Amino acid sequence: MKISERTVKRLGEIITGDKGLSPYRGGPKLVSFFHEFGTNHTYGQGFPSRWMFAEDCIRQFNGTPTLKKIILSAVDPRDFMGATIFDKETQQNKPASLQDALTYLNEFLAFDGRTAKGTTLSIKREERSLST
């Protein structure tokens, strides 16, 4: 499975939690997240920025079957249960919404002919026409 560079960046935002739609993952949690897919990074002195690390790892797996597993793990409902995110408008924590994260990610996956389904957690190939 291969996704565009724009989708790589948006998937990175979901994995790190930087978009405010999914639970925040600090450096050690990001390392653990990608360890599940065979990386052997360590967290410590000289660790890159979280977003850069996440995007580099996604690029490493882009075009491989493992990317599908990464996408599905990024929107695993278990990670959203009881999780909160900081709402910049209200300046308060609120429950993380799997549906909001899926909607955002699917807006970009659609351009790659893909859709992540939260209820079945599958990735489907979609035909998409850009003609009007």
N, C-alpha and C. Protein backbone atom coordinates (compact mmCIF):
# COMPACT_ATOMS: atom_id res chain seq x y z
N MET A 1 0.84 -1.18 0.00
CA MET A 1 0.00 0.00 0.00
C MET A 1 0.88 1.24 0.00
N LYS A 2 0.51 2.21 -0.83
CA LYS A 2 1.28 3.45 -0.92
C LYS A 2 0.33 4.63 -0.79
N ILE A 3 0.79 5.65 -0.05
CA ILE A 3 0.02 6.88 0.10
C ILE A 3 0.89 8.06 -0.32
N SER A 4 0.23 9.17 -0.62
CA SER A 4 0.93 10.38 -1.06
C SER A 4 1.65 11.05 0.11
N GLU A 5 2.55 11.94 -0.23
CA GLU A 5 3.30 12.67 0.80
C GLU A 5 2.36 13.51 1.67
N ARG A 6 1.33 14.08 1.08
CA ARG A 6 0.38 14.86 1.88
C ARG A 6 -0.33 13.98 2.91
N THR A 7 -0.66 12.77 2.50
CA THR A 7 -1.31 11.85 3.43
C THR A 7 -0.33 11.37 4.50
N VAL A 8 0.94 11.20 4.13
CA VAL A 8 1.96 10.84 5.12
C VAL A 8 1.96 11.86 6.25
N LYS A 9 1.94 13.14 5.89
CA LYS A 9 1.96 14.20 6.89
C LYS A 9 0.71 14.15 7.78
N ARG A 10 -0.45 13.93 7.20
CA ARG A 10 -1.70 13.90 7.98
C ARG A 10 -1.77 12.67 8.86
N LEU A 11 -1.29 11.53 8.37
CA LEU A 11 -1.23 10.33 9.19
C LEU A 11 -0.28 10.57 10.37
N GLY A 12 0.82 11.25 10.11
CA GLY A 12 1.76 11.60 11.18
C GLY A 12 1.09 12.44 12.26
N GLU A 13 0.22 13.36 11.86
CA GLU A 13 -0.50 14.18 12.84
C GLU A 13 -1.44 13.35 13.71
N ILE A 14 -2.04 12.32 13.12
CA ILE A 14 -2.92 11.45 13.89
C ILE A 14 -2.10 10.59 14.84
N ILE A 15 -0.98 10.07 14.36
CA ILE A 15 -0.15 9.20 15.21
C ILE A 15 0.45 9.98 16.37
N THR A 16 0.94 11.19 16.12
CA THR A 16 1.56 11.97 17.20
C THR A 16 0.52 12.61 18.12
N GLY A 17 -0.67 12.86 17.59
CA GLY A 17 -1.69 13.58 18.35
C GLY A 17 -1.58 15.08 18.16
N ASP A 18 -0.72 15.52 17.25
CA ASP A 18 -0.48 16.95 17.06
C ASP A 18 -1.64 17.71 16.45
N LYS A 19 -2.55 17.04 15.79
CA LYS A 19 -3.69 17.72 15.18
C LYS A 19 -4.78 18.00 16.21
N GLY A 20 -4.67 17.41 17.38
CA GLY A 20 -5.69 17.61 18.41
C GLY A 20 -6.93 16.78 18.16
N LEU A 21 -6.80 15.71 17.39
CA LEU A 21 -7.93 14.83 17.11
C LEU A 21 -7.75 13.44 17.70
N SER A 22 -6.55 13.15 18.11
CA SER A 22 -6.22 11.82 18.62
C SER A 22 -5.34 11.97 19.85
N PRO A 23 -5.23 10.90 20.64
CA PRO A 23 -4.42 11.00 21.85
C PRO A 23 -2.96 11.37 21.55
N TYR A 24 -2.39 12.20 22.39
CA TYR A 24 -1.00 12.64 22.27
C TYR A 24 -0.06 11.48 22.56
N ARG A 25 0.96 11.34 21.71
CA ARG A 25 2.02 10.36 21.96
C ARG A 25 3.34 11.11 22.06
N GLY A 26 3.95 11.03 23.23
CA GLY A 26 5.29 11.59 23.41
C GLY A 26 6.32 10.71 22.73
N GLY A 27 7.57 11.14 22.76
CA GLY A 27 8.65 10.41 22.10
C GLY A 27 8.72 8.93 22.44
N PRO A 28 8.75 8.56 23.74
CA PRO A 28 8.81 7.14 24.09
C PRO A 28 7.62 6.33 23.56
N LYS A 29 6.42 6.94 23.59
CA LYS A 29 5.24 6.23 23.08
C LYS A 29 5.30 6.09 21.56
N LEU A 30 5.87 7.08 20.87
CA LEU A 30 6.03 6.96 19.42
C LEU A 30 7.00 5.83 19.08
N VAL A 31 8.09 5.75 19.82
CA VAL A 31 9.06 4.67 19.60
C VAL A 31 8.37 3.32 19.80
N SER A 32 7.60 3.19 20.87
CA SER A 32 6.87 1.94 21.13
C SER A 32 5.86 1.64 20.03
N PHE A 33 5.16 2.67 19.57
CA PHE A 33 4.17 2.50 18.50
C PHE A 33 4.83 1.87 17.28
N PHE A 34 5.96 2.41 16.85
CA PHE A 34 6.60 1.91 15.63
C PHE A 34 7.39 0.62 15.87
N HIS A 35 7.73 0.31 17.12
CA HIS A 35 8.37 -0.98 17.42
C HIS A 35 7.45 -2.14 17.04
N GLU A 36 6.14 -1.91 17.17
CA GLU A 36 5.17 -2.95 16.80
C GLU A 36 5.29 -3.37 15.35
N PHE A 37 5.92 -2.54 14.54
CA PHE A 37 6.02 -2.81 13.11
C PHE A 37 7.45 -3.15 12.67
N GLY A 38 8.32 -3.36 13.65
CA GLY A 38 9.65 -3.85 13.33
C GLY A 38 10.78 -2.85 13.39
N THR A 39 10.52 -1.62 13.80
CA THR A 39 11.63 -0.67 13.92
C THR A 39 12.38 -0.96 15.21
N ASN A 40 13.60 -0.48 15.30
CA ASN A 40 14.38 -0.69 16.53
C ASN A 40 14.98 0.62 17.03
N HIS A 41 14.21 1.70 16.90
CA HIS A 41 14.66 3.00 17.39
C HIS A 41 14.68 3.03 18.91
N THR A 42 15.47 3.95 19.43
CA THR A 42 15.48 4.19 20.86
C THR A 42 15.23 5.68 21.09
N TYR A 43 14.65 5.98 22.24
CA TYR A 43 14.38 7.37 22.59
C TYR A 43 15.48 7.86 23.52
N GLY A 44 16.03 9.02 23.22
CA GLY A 44 17.06 9.58 24.08
C GLY A 44 17.65 10.83 23.45
N GLN A 45 18.85 11.16 23.89
CA GLN A 45 19.57 12.34 23.39
C GLN A 45 19.65 12.31 21.87
N GLY A 46 19.33 13.42 21.25
CA GLY A 46 19.42 13.53 19.79
C GLY A 46 18.20 13.01 19.05
N PHE A 47 17.15 12.63 19.79
CA PHE A 47 15.93 12.16 19.14
C PHE A 47 15.33 13.31 18.34
N PRO A 48 14.91 13.05 17.09
CA PRO A 48 14.35 14.14 16.27
C PRO A 48 13.00 14.62 16.82
N SER A 49 12.46 15.66 16.21
CA SER A 49 11.13 16.12 16.63
C SER A 49 10.14 14.98 16.42
N ARG A 50 9.10 14.98 17.20
CA ARG A 50 8.11 13.89 17.14
C ARG A 50 7.49 13.77 15.77
N TRP A 51 7.10 14.91 15.18
CA TRP A 51 6.45 14.85 13.87
C TRP A 51 7.41 14.33 12.81
N MET A 52 8.67 14.73 12.88
CA MET A 52 9.65 14.27 11.90
C MET A 52 9.89 12.77 12.04
N PHE A 53 10.00 12.31 13.29
CA PHE A 53 10.21 10.89 13.53
C PHE A 53 9.04 10.08 12.97
N ALA A 54 7.81 10.51 13.27
CA ALA A 54 6.62 9.78 12.80
C ALA A 54 6.57 9.75 11.28
N GLU A 55 6.78 10.89 10.65
CA GLU A 55 6.74 10.93 9.18
C GLU A 55 7.83 10.07 8.56
N ASP A 56 9.03 10.10 9.12
CA ASP A 56 10.13 9.27 8.59
C ASP A 56 9.79 7.79 8.71
N CYS A 57 9.20 7.40 9.81
CA CYS A 57 8.82 5.99 9.98
C CYS A 57 7.72 5.61 8.99
N ILE A 58 6.75 6.49 8.80
CA ILE A 58 5.68 6.21 7.83
C ILE A 58 6.29 6.06 6.43
N ARG A 59 7.19 6.95 6.07
CA ARG A 59 7.84 6.86 4.75
C ARG A 59 8.61 5.55 4.59
N GLN A 60 9.23 5.10 5.68
CA GLN A 60 9.98 3.85 5.65
C GLN A 60 9.08 2.68 5.23
N PHE A 61 7.81 2.72 5.65
CA PHE A 61 6.89 1.63 5.36
C PHE A 61 5.95 1.93 4.19
N ASN A 62 6.01 3.14 3.63
CA ASN A 62 5.14 3.50 2.53
C ASN A 62 5.44 2.58 1.34
N GLY A 63 4.40 2.02 0.76
CA GLY A 63 4.58 1.10 -0.36
C GLY A 63 4.73 -0.35 0.08
N THR A 64 4.57 -0.61 1.38
CA THR A 64 4.66 -1.99 1.89
C THR A 64 3.33 -2.37 2.53
N PRO A 65 3.08 -3.67 2.69
CA PRO A 65 1.85 -4.10 3.37
C PRO A 65 1.77 -3.62 4.83
N THR A 66 2.90 -3.34 5.44
CA THR A 66 2.92 -2.89 6.84
C THR A 66 2.24 -1.54 7.00
N LEU A 67 2.22 -0.72 5.96
CA LEU A 67 1.58 0.60 6.08
C LEU A 67 0.12 0.47 6.47
N LYS A 68 -0.56 -0.51 5.92
CA LYS A 68 -1.97 -0.71 6.27
C LYS A 68 -2.09 -0.96 7.78
N LYS A 69 -1.21 -1.76 8.33
CA LYS A 69 -1.24 -2.04 9.77
C LYS A 69 -0.98 -0.78 10.59
N ILE A 70 -0.09 0.07 10.10
CA ILE A 70 0.21 1.33 10.79
C ILE A 70 -1.03 2.22 10.80
N ILE A 71 -1.69 2.34 9.66
CA ILE A 71 -2.89 3.18 9.58
C ILE A 71 -3.96 2.66 10.54
N LEU A 72 -4.18 1.35 10.50
CA LEU A 72 -5.21 0.78 11.36
C LEU A 72 -4.86 0.94 12.84
N SER A 73 -3.60 0.83 13.17
CA SER A 73 -3.18 1.01 14.56
C SER A 73 -3.32 2.46 14.99
N ALA A 74 -3.13 3.40 14.07
CA ALA A 74 -3.26 4.83 14.39
C ALA A 74 -4.69 5.19 14.80
N VAL A 75 -5.66 4.43 14.29
CA VAL A 75 -7.06 4.70 14.61
C VAL A 75 -7.69 3.51 15.34
N ASP A 76 -6.90 2.85 16.15
CA ASP A 76 -7.39 1.73 16.96
C ASP A 76 -8.31 2.29 18.04
N PRO A 77 -9.56 1.84 18.06
CA PRO A 77 -10.52 2.39 19.04
C PRO A 77 -10.05 2.26 20.49
N ARG A 78 -9.25 1.27 20.80
CA ARG A 78 -8.80 1.09 22.19
C ARG A 78 -7.96 2.26 22.67
N ASP A 79 -7.26 2.92 21.73
CA ASP A 79 -6.44 4.07 22.11
C ASP A 79 -7.28 5.32 22.40
N PHE A 80 -8.51 5.32 21.94
CA PHE A 80 -9.40 6.47 22.13
C PHE A 80 -10.28 6.32 23.37
N MET A 81 -10.39 5.11 23.89
CA MET A 81 -11.25 4.86 25.06
C MET A 81 -10.69 5.58 26.28
N GLY A 82 -11.44 6.51 26.80
CA GLY A 82 -11.03 7.24 28.00
C GLY A 82 -9.96 8.29 27.75
N ALA A 83 -9.51 8.43 26.50
CA ALA A 83 -8.46 9.40 26.18
C ALA A 83 -9.06 10.79 26.03
N THR A 84 -8.27 11.79 26.37
CA THR A 84 -8.70 13.18 26.19
C THR A 84 -7.71 13.91 25.30
N ILE A 85 -8.21 14.97 24.70
CA ILE A 85 -7.38 15.87 23.91
C ILE A 85 -7.65 17.29 24.39
N PHE A 86 -6.71 18.18 24.16
CA PHE A 86 -6.87 19.57 24.60
C PHE A 86 -7.56 20.36 23.50
N ASP A 87 -8.69 20.97 23.83
CA ASP A 87 -9.45 21.79 22.89
C ASP A 87 -8.93 23.22 22.98
N LYS A 88 -8.31 23.69 21.91
CA LYS A 88 -7.71 25.03 21.92
C LYS A 88 -8.75 26.14 22.05
N GLU A 89 -9.95 25.89 21.52
CA GLU A 89 -11.00 26.92 21.60
C GLU A 89 -11.50 27.12 23.03
N THR A 90 -11.79 26.02 23.71
CA THR A 90 -12.34 26.13 25.06
C THR A 90 -11.26 26.12 26.13
N GLN A 91 -10.01 25.80 25.72
CA GLN A 91 -8.89 25.72 26.64
C GLN A 91 -9.13 24.66 27.72
N GLN A 92 -9.84 23.60 27.34
CA GLN A 92 -10.12 22.51 28.27
C GLN A 92 -9.91 21.17 27.58
N ASN A 93 -9.73 20.13 28.39
CA ASN A 93 -9.66 18.79 27.84
C ASN A 93 -11.05 18.30 27.48
N LYS A 94 -11.13 17.50 26.44
CA LYS A 94 -12.39 16.88 26.05
C LYS A 94 -12.08 15.46 25.58
N PRO A 95 -13.08 14.60 25.53
CA PRO A 95 -12.83 13.23 25.09
C PRO A 95 -12.33 13.20 23.64
N ALA A 96 -11.36 12.35 23.38
CA ALA A 96 -10.87 12.15 22.01
C ALA A 96 -11.95 11.42 21.23
N SER A 97 -12.15 11.83 19.98
CA SER A 97 -13.20 11.24 19.15
C SER A 97 -12.58 10.45 18.00
N LEU A 98 -12.77 9.14 18.04
CA LEU A 98 -12.29 8.30 16.93
C LEU A 98 -12.90 8.76 15.62
N GLN A 99 -14.18 9.09 15.64
CA GLN A 99 -14.85 9.50 14.40
C GLN A 99 -14.23 10.77 13.82
N ASP A 100 -13.88 11.73 14.66
CA ASP A 100 -13.24 12.95 14.16
C ASP A 100 -11.89 12.64 13.53
N ALA A 101 -11.12 11.77 14.16
CA ALA A 101 -9.81 11.39 13.62
C ALA A 101 -9.98 10.65 12.29
N LEU A 102 -10.94 9.74 12.22
CA LEU A 102 -11.19 9.01 10.97
C LEU A 102 -11.64 9.93 9.86
N THR A 103 -12.52 10.85 10.17
CA THR A 103 -13.01 11.80 9.16
C THR A 103 -11.85 12.60 8.58
N TYR A 104 -11.00 13.11 9.44
CA TYR A 104 -9.85 13.89 9.00
C TYR A 104 -8.90 13.05 8.14
N LEU A 105 -8.56 11.88 8.62
CA LEU A 105 -7.63 11.02 7.89
C LEU A 105 -8.23 10.58 6.55
N ASN A 106 -9.51 10.24 6.54
CA ASN A 106 -10.16 9.79 5.31
C ASN A 106 -10.24 10.88 4.24
N GLU A 107 -10.28 12.15 4.66
CA GLU A 107 -10.28 13.23 3.67
C GLU A 107 -9.03 13.16 2.80
N PHE A 108 -7.93 12.72 3.36
CA PHE A 108 -6.67 12.61 2.62
C PHE A 108 -6.50 11.24 1.99
N LEU A 109 -6.89 10.19 2.71
CA LEU A 109 -6.79 8.84 2.14
C LEU A 109 -7.62 8.71 0.86
N ALA A 110 -8.73 9.45 0.78
CA ALA A 110 -9.59 9.38 -0.40
C ALA A 110 -8.83 9.75 -1.67
N PHE A 111 -7.89 10.67 -1.58
CA PHE A 111 -7.10 11.05 -2.74
C PHE A 111 -6.12 9.96 -3.16
N ASP A 112 -5.87 9.03 -2.25
CA ASP A 112 -5.02 7.87 -2.55
C ASP A 112 -5.87 6.65 -2.89
N GLY A 113 -7.19 6.86 -3.01
CA GLY A 113 -8.10 5.76 -3.34
C GLY A 113 -8.32 4.81 -2.18
N ARG A 114 -8.24 5.30 -0.96
CA ARG A 114 -8.37 4.45 0.23
C ARG A 114 -9.36 5.07 1.20
N THR A 115 -9.90 4.21 2.08
CA THR A 115 -10.76 4.67 3.16
C THR A 115 -10.52 3.78 4.37
N ALA A 116 -10.33 4.38 5.52
CA ALA A 116 -10.22 3.63 6.77
C ALA A 116 -11.61 3.57 7.37
N LYS A 117 -12.08 2.39 7.70
CA LYS A 117 -13.40 2.20 8.31
C LYS A 117 -13.23 1.90 9.78
N GLY A 118 -13.80 2.75 10.61
CA GLY A 118 -13.62 2.59 12.04
C GLY A 118 -14.30 1.38 12.63
N THR A 119 -15.45 1.00 12.08
CA THR A 119 -16.17 -0.12 12.68
C THR A 119 -15.55 -1.45 12.32
N THR A 120 -15.01 -1.57 11.13
CA THR A 120 -14.40 -2.83 10.73
C THR A 120 -12.89 -2.72 10.68
N LEU A 121 -12.37 -1.50 10.77
CA LEU A 121 -10.94 -1.25 10.69
C LEU A 121 -10.30 -1.96 9.51
N SER A 122 -10.83 -1.68 8.35
CA SER A 122 -10.24 -2.20 7.12
C SER A 122 -9.93 -1.05 6.19
N ILE A 123 -9.12 -1.33 5.22
CA ILE A 123 -8.79 -0.33 4.21
C ILE A 123 -9.33 -0.84 2.89
N LYS A 124 -10.13 -0.03 2.24
CA LYS A 124 -10.73 -0.44 0.98
C LYS A 124 -10.20 0.41 -0.15
N ARG A 125 -10.00 -0.22 -1.28
CA ARG A 125 -9.61 0.50 -2.50
C ARG A 125 -10.87 1.11 -3.07
N GLU A 126 -10.84 2.39 -3.38
CA GLU A 126 -12.00 3.06 -3.96
C GLU A 126 -11.63 3.61 -5.32
N GLU A 127 -12.57 3.54 -6.23
CA GLU A 127 -12.39 4.19 -7.52
C GLU A 127 -12.78 5.65 -7.34
N ARG A 128 -11.99 6.53 -7.87
CA ARG A 128 -12.26 7.95 -7.70
C ARG A 128 -12.03 8.66 -9.02
N SER A 129 -12.99 9.44 -9.42
CA SER A 129 -12.88 10.19 -10.65
C SER A 129 -12.77 11.66 -10.32
N LEU A 130 -11.84 12.33 -10.96
CA LEU A 130 -11.67 13.76 -10.72
C LEU A 130 -12.44 14.60 -11.74
N SER A 131 -13.09 13.93 -12.68
CA SER A 131 -13.85 14.68 -13.69
C SER A 131 -15.17 15.14 -13.09
N THR A 132 -15.72 16.21 -13.66
CA THR A 132 -16.98 16.73 -13.14
C THR A 132 -18.14 16.33 -14.00
